C-alpha atoms as a PDB file:
ATOM      1  CA  MET A   1     103.611 -30.776  52.339  1.00  0.00           C
ATOM      2  CA  ALA A   2     105.796 -30.207  49.343  1.00  0.00           C
ATOM      3  CA  ARG A   3     108.766 -32.701  48.713  1.00  0.00           C
ATOM      4  CA  GLN A   4     111.828 -31.272  48.041  1.00  0.00           C
ATOM      5  CA  TYR A   5     114.141 -32.341  45.107  1.00  0.00           C
ATOM      6  CA  ALA A   6     117.760 -30.514  45.432  1.00  0.00           C
ATOM      7  CA  LYS A   7     119.862 -30.574  42.481  1.00  0.00           C
ATOM      8  CA  ALA A   8     117.422 -32.768  40.595  1.00  0.00           C
ATOM      9  CA  GLN A   9     118.483 -34.410  37.347  1.00  0.00           C
ATOM     10  CA  ARG A  10     117.698 -32.306  34.222  1.00  0.00           C
ATOM     11  CA  ALA A  11     117.032 -33.956  30.686  1.00  0.00           C
ATOM     12  CA  VAL A  12     115.975 -32.390  27.515  1.00  0.00           C
ATOM     13  CA  TRP A  13     114.127 -34.173  24.748  1.00  0.00           C
ATOM     14  CA  THR A  14     113.262 -32.534  21.411  1.00  0.00           C
ATOM     15  CA  VAL A  15     109.898 -33.740  20.055  1.00  0.00           C
ATOM     16  CA  ALA A  16     108.457 -32.402  16.677  1.00  0.00           C
ATOM     17  CA  GLY A  17     110.231 -29.318  16.834  1.00  0.00           C
ATOM     18  CA  ALA A  18     109.437 -28.704  20.546  1.00  0.00           C
ATOM     19  CA  VAL A  19     111.343 -28.907  23.586  1.00  0.00           C
ATOM     20  CA  THR A  20     110.141 -31.096  26.499  1.00  0.00           C
ATOM     21  CA  ILE A  21     112.086 -30.652  29.852  1.00  0.00           C
ATOM     22  CA  GLY A  22     111.799 -33.381  32.087  1.00  0.00           C
ATOM     23  CA  ALA A  23     112.951 -34.724  35.415  1.00  0.00           C
ATOM     24  CA  LEU A  24     112.075 -32.339  37.456  1.00  0.00           C
ATOM     25  CA  VAL A  25     113.545 -28.792  37.958  1.00  0.00           C
ATOM     26  CA  VAL A  26     112.709 -27.091  41.022  1.00  0.00           C
ATOM     27  CA  ALA A  27     110.508 -24.158  40.343  1.00  0.00           C
ATOM     28  CA  CYS A  28     111.323 -20.684  41.604  1.00  0.00           C
ATOM     29  CA  GLY A  29     108.207 -18.704  42.879  1.00  0.00           C
ATOM     30  CA  GLY A  30     105.474 -18.494  40.222  1.00  0.00           C
ATOM     31  CA  GLY A  31     101.919 -18.004  40.679  1.00  0.00           C
ATOM     32  CA  SER A  32      99.960 -14.702  40.645  1.00  0.00           C
ATOM     33  CA  THR A  33      98.692 -12.301  43.646  1.00  0.00           C
ATOM     34  CA  ASP A  34      95.900 -11.066  41.518  1.00  0.00           C
ATOM     35  CA  ALA A  35      92.297 -12.237  42.276  1.00  0.00           C
ATOM     36  CA  PRO A  36      91.625 -15.691  40.912  1.00  0.00           C
ATOM     37  CA  LEU A  37      89.976 -16.247  37.597  1.00  0.00           C
ATOM     38  CA  ALA A  38      88.086 -19.130  39.416  1.00  0.00           C
ATOM     39  CA  SER A  39      88.164 -20.876  42.538  1.00  0.00           C
ATOM     40  CA  ASP A  40      86.564 -23.581  44.372  1.00  0.00           C
ATOM     41  CA  GLY A  41      86.901 -24.479  48.248  1.00  0.00           C
ATOM     42  CA  PHE A  42      84.616 -27.245  48.031  1.00  0.00           C
ATOM     43  CA  THR A  43      82.216 -25.933  50.721  1.00  0.00           C
ATOM     44  CA  GLN A  44      79.394 -25.077  48.431  1.00  0.00           C
ATOM     45  CA  GLY A  45      78.504 -28.307  46.572  1.00  0.00           C
ATOM     46  CA  LEU A  46      79.252 -29.219  42.904  1.00  0.00           C
ATOM     47  CA  ALA A  47      77.629 -26.591  41.059  1.00  0.00           C
ATOM     48  CA  GLN A  48      80.778 -25.682  39.465  1.00  0.00           C
ATOM     49  CA  TRP A  49      81.369 -29.010  38.030  1.00  0.00           C
ATOM     50  CA  LYS A  50      79.768 -31.281  35.412  1.00  0.00           C
ATOM     51  CA  ILE A  51      80.230 -35.098  36.598  1.00  0.00           C
ATOM     52  CA  GLU A  52      80.505 -37.935  33.940  1.00  0.00           C
ATOM     53  CA  GLN A  53      80.903 -41.522  35.315  1.00  0.00           C
ATOM     54  CA  GLN A  54      80.916 -44.840  33.589  1.00  0.00           C
ATOM     55  CA  SER A  55      79.573 -46.515  36.871  1.00  0.00           C
ATOM     56  CA  THR A  56      76.511 -45.449  38.890  1.00  0.00           C
ATOM     57  CA  ALA A  57      78.411 -46.840  41.945  1.00  0.00           C
ATOM     58  CA  GLY A  58      80.920 -43.890  41.761  1.00  0.00           C
ATOM     59  CA  THR A  59      80.401 -41.241  44.062  1.00  0.00           C
ATOM     60  CA  VAL A  60      81.308 -37.309  44.021  1.00  0.00           C
ATOM     61  CA  THR A  61      80.841 -35.042  46.798  1.00  0.00           C
ATOM     62  CA  ALA A  62      82.101 -31.697  47.762  1.00  0.00           C
ATOM     63  CA  THR A  63      81.973 -30.568  51.370  1.00  0.00           C
ATOM     64  CA  GLY A  64      84.072 -29.332  54.304  1.00  0.00           C
ATOM     65  CA  GLY A  65      86.709 -28.177  51.754  1.00  0.00           C
ATOM     66  CA  VAL A  66      87.210 -31.533  50.082  1.00  0.00           C
ATOM     67  CA  LEU A  67      85.947 -32.690  46.679  1.00  0.00           C
ATOM     68  CA  ASP A  68      85.834 -36.450  47.469  1.00  0.00           C
ATOM     69  CA  ILE A  69      85.817 -38.640  44.432  1.00  0.00           C
ATOM     70  CA  VAL A  70      85.388 -42.624  44.341  1.00  0.00           C
ATOM     71  CA  GLN A  71      85.085 -44.284  41.328  1.00  0.00           C
ATOM     72  CA  PRO A  72      85.158 -48.054  40.255  1.00  0.00           C
ATOM     73  CA  SER A  73      85.831 -47.333  36.818  1.00  0.00           C
ATOM     74  CA  GLY A  74      86.278 -43.939  34.706  1.00  0.00           C
ATOM     75  CA  ALA A  75      85.067 -40.565  35.555  1.00  0.00           C
ATOM     76  CA  THR A  76      85.589 -36.919  34.389  1.00  0.00           C
ATOM     77  CA  LEU A  77      84.727 -33.848  36.434  1.00  0.00           C
ATOM     78  CA  TRP A  78      84.352 -30.696  33.991  1.00  0.00           C
ATOM     79  CA  PHE A  79      84.829 -27.384  35.436  1.00  0.00           C
ATOM     80  CA  ARG A  80      82.018 -25.383  33.740  1.00  0.00           C
ATOM     81  CA  GLN A  81      84.293 -22.112  32.971  1.00  0.00           C
ATOM     82  CA  LYS A  82      86.288 -21.505  29.932  1.00  0.00           C
ATOM     83  CA  PHE A  83      89.935 -20.246  30.383  1.00  0.00           C
ATOM     84  CA  THR A  84      92.022 -18.230  28.031  1.00  0.00           C
ATOM     85  CA  GLY A  85      95.167 -16.310  27.785  1.00  0.00           C
ATOM     86  CA  ASP A  86      98.161 -16.818  30.061  1.00  0.00           C
ATOM     87  CA  TYR A  87      96.934 -18.506  33.229  1.00  0.00           C
ATOM     88  CA  GLU A  88      97.695 -21.375  35.693  1.00  0.00           C
ATOM     89  CA  ILE A  89      95.553 -23.863  37.645  1.00  0.00           C
ATOM     90  CA  THR A  90      96.545 -25.057  41.034  1.00  0.00           C
ATOM     91  CA  PHE A  91      94.974 -27.498  43.368  1.00  0.00           C
ATOM     92  CA  SER A  92      96.075 -30.384  45.967  1.00  0.00           C
ATOM     93  CA  ALA A  93      95.236 -33.964  45.379  1.00  0.00           C
ATOM     94  CA  THR A  94      95.517 -36.750  47.970  1.00  0.00           C
ATOM     95  CA  PRO A  95      95.311 -40.561  46.851  1.00  0.00           C
ATOM     96  CA  VAL A  96      93.516 -42.843  49.466  1.00  0.00           C
ATOM     97  CA  PRO A  97      94.104 -46.359  49.026  1.00  0.00           C
ATOM     98  CA  VAL A  98      91.017 -48.321  47.887  1.00  0.00           C
ATOM     99  CA  THR A  99      89.608 -51.779  47.577  1.00  0.00           C
ATOM    100  CA  PHE A 100      86.867 -52.789  45.188  1.00  0.00           C
ATOM    101  CA  ALA A 101      85.397 -56.030  46.290  1.00  0.00           C
ATOM    102  CA  GLY A 102      85.362 -58.780  43.703  1.00  0.00           C
ATOM    103  CA  THR A 103      88.064 -57.125  41.726  1.00  0.00           C
ATOM    104  CA  GLN A 104      91.802 -57.324  41.414  1.00  0.00           C
ATOM    105  CA  PHE A 105      92.194 -54.019  42.976  1.00  0.00           C
ATOM    106  CA  VAL A 106      93.380 -53.772  46.667  1.00  0.00           C
ATOM    107  CA  ASP A 107      94.571 -50.648  48.277  1.00  0.00           C
ATOM    108  CA  ARG A 108      94.932 -49.214  44.943  1.00  0.00           C
ATOM    109  CA  ILE A 109      96.266 -45.674  44.292  1.00  0.00           C
ATOM    110  CA  SER A 110      96.302 -44.612  40.614  1.00  0.00           C
ATOM    111  CA  ASP A 111      95.337 -42.057  37.870  1.00  0.00           C
ATOM    112  CA  LEU A 112      95.492 -38.432  38.963  1.00  0.00           C
ATOM    113  CA  ASN A 113      94.622 -37.375  35.237  1.00  0.00           C
ATOM    114  CA  MET A 114      93.296 -34.054  33.962  1.00  0.00           C
ATOM    115  CA  PHE A 115      92.270 -32.335  30.616  1.00  0.00           C
ATOM    116  CA  TRP A 116      92.949 -28.739  29.975  1.00  0.00           C
ATOM    117  CA  ASN A 117      92.294 -26.323  27.011  1.00  0.00           C
ATOM    118  CA  ALA A 118      90.030 -28.934  25.915  1.00  0.00           C
ATOM    119  CA  VAL A 119      87.709 -27.939  22.947  1.00  0.00           C
ATOM    120  CA  ASP A 120      84.777 -30.164  21.422  1.00  0.00           C
ATOM    121  CA  PRO A 121      84.836 -29.034  17.620  1.00  0.00           C
ATOM    122  CA  ARG A 122      81.336 -30.740  17.496  1.00  0.00           C
ATOM    123  CA  ILE A 123      79.739 -27.850  19.362  1.00  0.00           C
ATOM    124  CA  ALA A 124      79.940 -24.247  18.102  1.00  0.00           C
ATOM    125  CA  SER A 125      81.072 -22.758  21.226  1.00  0.00           C
ATOM    126  CA  GLY A 126      83.538 -25.441  21.672  1.00  0.00           C
ATOM    127  CA  ASP A 127      82.485 -26.079  25.183  1.00  0.00           C
ATOM    128  CA  PRO A 128      82.638 -29.972  26.007  1.00  0.00           C
ATOM    129  CA  THR A 129      80.283 -29.442  28.963  1.00  0.00           C
ATOM    130  CA  GLN A 130      77.506 -28.813  26.473  1.00  0.00           C
ATOM    131  CA  ASN A 131      78.010 -32.465  25.106  1.00  0.00           C
ATOM    132  CA  THR A 132      77.082 -35.885  26.547  1.00  0.00           C
ATOM    133  CA  PHE A 133      79.965 -38.167  27.424  1.00  0.00           C
ATOM    134  CA  ASP A 134      79.889 -41.782  29.156  1.00  0.00           C
ATOM    135  CA  GLY A 135      82.940 -41.267  31.337  1.00  0.00           C
ATOM    136  CA  ALA A 136      85.023 -43.912  29.449  1.00  0.00           C
ATOM    137  CA  LEU A 137      88.392 -42.377  28.177  1.00  0.00           C
ATOM    138  CA  ASN A 138      87.527 -43.332  24.467  1.00  0.00           C
ATOM    139  CA  SER A 139      84.354 -41.049  24.410  1.00  0.00           C
ATOM    140  CA  TYR A 140      86.568 -38.087  24.769  1.00  0.00           C
ATOM    141  CA  ASN A 141      88.530 -39.036  21.441  1.00  0.00           C
ATOM    142  CA  PRO A 142      86.813 -36.089  19.308  1.00  0.00           C
ATOM    143  CA  VAL A 143      87.906 -33.583  21.867  1.00  0.00           C
ATOM    144  CA  THR A 144      91.223 -31.659  21.306  1.00  0.00           C
ATOM    145  CA  LEU A 145      92.968 -31.294  24.528  1.00  0.00           C
ATOM    146  CA  TYR A 146      96.389 -31.526  26.497  1.00  0.00           C
ATOM    147  CA  TYR A 147      96.280 -34.561  29.030  1.00  0.00           C
ATOM    148  CA  VAL A 148      98.510 -35.645  31.710  1.00  0.00           C
ATOM    149  CA  GLY A 149      97.979 -39.111  33.489  1.00  0.00           C
ATOM    150  CA  TYR A 150      99.904 -38.709  36.463  1.00  0.00           C
ATOM    151  CA  GLY A 151     100.643 -42.026  38.508  1.00  0.00           C
ATOM    152  CA  ALA A 152      98.311 -44.043  35.978  1.00  0.00           C
ATOM    153  CA  ASN A 153      98.032 -47.512  35.226  1.00  0.00           C
ATOM    154  CA  GLY A 154      98.304 -48.564  38.880  1.00  0.00           C
ATOM    155  CA  ASN A 155     100.969 -45.980  39.682  1.00  0.00           C
ATOM    156  CA  THR A 156     103.285 -47.130  36.828  1.00  0.00           C
ATOM    157  CA  THR A 157     103.324 -44.420  34.356  1.00  0.00           C
ATOM    158  CA  THR A 158     103.116 -40.608  34.276  1.00  0.00           C
ATOM    159  CA  ARG A 159     102.562 -39.256  30.582  1.00  0.00           C
ATOM    160  CA  LEU A 160     101.793 -35.991  28.716  1.00  0.00           C
ATOM    161  CA  ARG A 161      99.577 -36.328  25.864  1.00  0.00           C
ATOM    162  CA  ARG A 162      98.124 -33.926  23.089  1.00  0.00           C
ATOM    163  CA  ASN A 163      95.013 -35.304  21.920  1.00  0.00           C
ATOM    164  CA  ASP A 164      94.158 -34.055  18.473  1.00  0.00           C
ATOM    165  CA  GLY A 165      90.675 -35.148  18.081  1.00  0.00           C
ATOM    166  CA  THR A 166      91.493 -38.707  16.712  1.00  0.00           C
ATOM    167  CA  ALA A 167      91.635 -42.025  18.487  1.00  0.00           C
ATOM    168  CA  SER A 168      95.370 -42.063  18.500  1.00  0.00           C
ATOM    169  CA  ARG A 169      95.595 -39.655  21.451  1.00  0.00           C
ATOM    170  CA  PRO A 170      99.296 -38.688  20.622  1.00  0.00           C
ATOM    171  CA  GLN A 171     101.823 -39.066  23.337  1.00  0.00           C
ATOM    172  CA  ILE A 172     104.561 -36.378  23.685  1.00  0.00           C
ATOM    173  CA  THR A 173     106.686 -38.091  26.372  1.00  0.00           C
ATOM    174  CA  GLY A 174     106.431 -39.936  29.695  1.00  0.00           C
ATOM    175  CA  TYR A 175     107.936 -41.619  32.407  1.00  0.00           C
ATOM    176  CA  ALA A 176     107.304 -45.426  33.168  1.00  0.00           C
ATOM    177  CA  THR A 177     108.310 -48.465  34.954  1.00  0.00           C
ATOM    178  CA  PRO A 178     110.173 -51.098  32.877  1.00  0.00           C
ATOM    179  CA  ALA A 179     106.931 -53.432  32.878  1.00  0.00           C
ATOM    180  CA  SER A 180     104.812 -50.415  31.604  1.00  0.00           C
ATOM    181  CA  ALA A 181     107.264 -48.565  29.214  1.00  0.00           C
ATOM    182  CA  THR A 182     106.733 -47.831  25.616  1.00  0.00           C
ATOM    183  CA  ALA A 183     108.781 -46.090  23.051  1.00  0.00           C
ATOM    184  CA  ASP A 184     106.860 -42.929  23.815  1.00  0.00           C
ATOM    185  CA  ASP A 185     108.118 -42.907  27.470  1.00  0.00           C
ATOM    186  CA  ARG A 186     111.005 -40.773  26.367  1.00  0.00           C
ATOM    187  CA  ALA A 187     111.495 -39.209  29.788  1.00  0.00           C
ATOM    188  CA  GLY A 188     112.702 -42.489  31.212  1.00  0.00           C
ATOM    189  CA  ALA A 189     111.790 -44.272  34.259  1.00  0.00           C
ATOM    190  CA  MET A 190     109.440 -43.175  37.165  1.00  0.00           C
ATOM    191  CA  THR A 191     110.829 -41.164  39.937  1.00  0.00           C
ATOM    192  CA  ALA A 192     109.932 -39.833  43.262  1.00  0.00           C
ATOM    193  CA  ALA A 193     108.407 -36.863  41.731  1.00  0.00           C
ATOM    194  CA  THR A 194     106.240 -38.823  39.316  1.00  0.00           C
ATOM    195  CA  THR A 195     105.026 -41.381  41.526  1.00  0.00           C
ATOM    196  CA  LEU A 196     101.804 -41.232  43.917  1.00  0.00           C
ATOM    197  CA  VAL A 197     102.377 -42.001  47.582  1.00  0.00           C
ATOM    198  CA  ALA A 198      99.362 -43.130  49.608  1.00  0.00           C
ATOM    199  CA  ASN A 199      97.653 -40.463  51.516  1.00  0.00           C
ATOM    200  CA  GLN A 200     100.237 -37.742  50.644  1.00  0.00           C
ATOM    201  CA  PRO A 201      99.127 -34.817  49.017  1.00  0.00           C
ATOM    202  CA  THR A 202     100.470 -33.787  45.450  1.00  0.00           C
ATOM    203  CA  ARG A 203     100.301 -30.248  44.502  1.00  0.00           C
ATOM    204  CA  VAL A 204      99.641 -29.670  41.230  1.00  0.00           C
ATOM    205  CA  ARG A 205     100.360 -26.623  39.048  1.00  0.00           C
ATOM    206  CA  ILE A 206      99.548 -26.290  35.414  1.00  0.00           C
ATOM    207  CA  VAL A 207     100.679 -23.367  33.269  1.00  0.00           C
ATOM    208  CA  SER A 208      99.255 -22.361  29.866  1.00  0.00           C
ATOM    209  CA  ARG A 209     101.226 -19.429  28.254  1.00  0.00           C
ATOM    210  CA  ALA A 210     102.104 -17.807  25.156  1.00  0.00           C
ATOM    211  CA  ALA A 211     105.755 -18.476  23.988  1.00  0.00           C
ATOM    212  CA  THR A 212     108.273 -15.775  24.389  1.00  0.00           C
ATOM    213  CA  ALA A 213     111.594 -15.090  22.972  1.00  0.00           C
ATOM    214  CA  THR A 214     113.358 -16.198  26.400  1.00  0.00           C
ATOM    215  CA  ASP A 215     110.994 -19.112  26.945  1.00  0.00           C
ATOM    216  CA  PRO A 216     109.551 -21.135  24.043  1.00  0.00           C
ATOM    217  CA  ALA A 217     107.322 -23.528  26.480  1.00  0.00           C
ATOM    218  CA  THR A 218     103.513 -22.983  25.865  1.00  0.00           C
ATOM    219  CA  LEU A 219     102.744 -25.429  28.752  1.00  0.00           C
ATOM    220  CA  LYS A 220     104.265 -26.362  32.009  1.00  0.00           C
ATOM    221  CA  TRP A 221     103.249 -29.120  34.582  1.00  0.00           C
ATOM    222  CA  TYR A 222     104.492 -29.302  38.137  1.00  0.00           C
ATOM    223  CA  ALA A 223     104.024 -31.687  41.033  1.00  0.00           C
ATOM    224  CA  ASN A 224     104.906 -30.201  44.426  1.00  0.00           C
ATOM    225  CA  ASP A 225     107.017 -27.695  42.686  1.00  0.00           C
ATOM    226  CA  ALA A 226     108.913 -29.881  40.649  1.00  0.00           C
ATOM    227  CA  LEU A 227     108.601 -29.396  36.987  1.00  0.00           C
ATOM    228  CA  VAL A 228     107.531 -32.599  35.374  1.00  0.00           C
ATOM    229  CA  PHE A 229     106.659 -31.481  31.900  1.00  0.00           C
ATOM    230  CA  SER A 230     107.579 -28.588  29.602  1.00  0.00           C
ATOM    231  CA  TYR A 231     106.314 -28.415  26.158  1.00  0.00           C
ATOM    232  CA  ALA A 232     106.678 -25.846  23.357  1.00  0.00           C
ATOM    233  CA  ASP A 233     103.683 -26.656  21.078  1.00  0.00           C
ATOM    234  CA  PRO A 234     104.268 -25.560  17.410  1.00  0.00           C
ATOM    235  CA  SER A 235     100.300 -25.235  17.055  1.00  0.00           C
ATOM    236  CA  PRO A 236      99.323 -24.718  20.816  1.00  0.00           C
ATOM    237  CA  TYR A 237      96.032 -25.148  22.357  1.00  0.00           C
ATOM    238  CA  SER A 238      95.581 -21.766  24.080  1.00  0.00           C
ATOM    239  CA  GLU A 239      92.067 -21.979  25.427  1.00  0.00           C
ATOM    240  CA  GLY A 240      89.454 -24.186  26.628  1.00  0.00           C
ATOM    241  CA  TRP A 241      88.129 -26.104  29.488  1.00  0.00           C
ATOM    242  CA  PHE A 242      89.680 -28.075  32.343  1.00  0.00           C
ATOM    243  CA  ALA A 243      88.555 -31.429  33.719  1.00  0.00           C
ATOM    244  CA  LEU A 244      89.782 -33.891  36.366  1.00  0.00           C
ATOM    245  CA  ARG A 245      89.907 -37.262  35.172  1.00  0.00           C
ATOM    246  CA  THR A 246      90.398 -40.911  36.916  1.00  0.00           C
ATOM    247  CA  THR A 247      89.539 -44.441  36.963  1.00  0.00           C
ATOM    248  CA  THR A 248      89.466 -47.132  39.647  1.00  0.00           C
ATOM    249  CA  SER A 249      90.674 -44.853  42.544  1.00  0.00           C
ATOM    250  CA  HIS A 250      89.967 -42.760  45.412  1.00  0.00           C
ATOM    251  CA  TRP A 251      90.864 -38.927  45.500  1.00  0.00           C
ATOM    252  CA  GLN A 252      90.575 -35.980  47.512  1.00  0.00           C
ATOM    253  CA  ILE A 253      90.949 -32.781  45.937  1.00  0.00           C
ATOM    254  CA  ARG A 254      91.410 -29.364  47.640  1.00  0.00           C
ATOM    255  CA  ASP A 255      92.072 -25.603  47.067  1.00  0.00           C
ATOM    256  CA  PHE A 256      91.302 -25.420  43.535  1.00  0.00           C
ATOM    257  CA  LYS A 257      92.203 -22.011  41.872  1.00  0.00           C
ATOM    258  CA  VAL A 258      92.691 -20.704  38.517  1.00  0.00           C
ATOM    259  CA  ASN A 259      94.875 -17.441  38.250  1.00  0.00           C
ATOM    260  CA  ARG A 260      95.920 -15.029  35.442  1.00  0.00           C
ATOM    261  CA  MET A 261      99.643 -15.066  34.588  1.00  0.00           C
END
């Protein structure tokens, strides 16, 4: 159930010649009525996904309409299809509190993370699913991609990055609690729309688009119809692959769809 944010506060940041709109402008409409470019209702197994896990104790299943992900450390789930042009990705994600025996993590909810427009320059096709990664975040440093970490670091940060193929993983902006904040968290404190709630679904919408004269944004990222990130990239990543990413968490994903805009 989508949370509503009436008269949400609006803030604007200019970053490297681009505008990032934070804090949660309620979206009006959006989406395509055309047949989806891709979809997964999670009733037919994992054939559309490539799973990379740091720990063999991690589990990923797709049955009964639910992609269930339980991971004691890092994991990445690549969707095998490439997307290009103007498109949007939507899905629902529910954090389930999880306790990992022998660790500090008790009833933890954290890390609804994702890559999109990911391209591996070491592969002729650019297809990162044709390479082998160990599931650790650092292993993806050579890949160019956009990255949102939502409710990451124990649900204390929500950040947008534009990974440039180096270990620096440049951060565009982000929200953070005072204890987790860095100078790059220019969007300010965590809010209701950037924070996970146990057992409550977040409806994610990712928009990848060409800039227009009236709207320079080349990416937009929404949670429950609230616009969390908007960025006008001077050198946009306009095509590539999508992946779900998490660490030390339990997630249930539903209704994955990719539509042409």
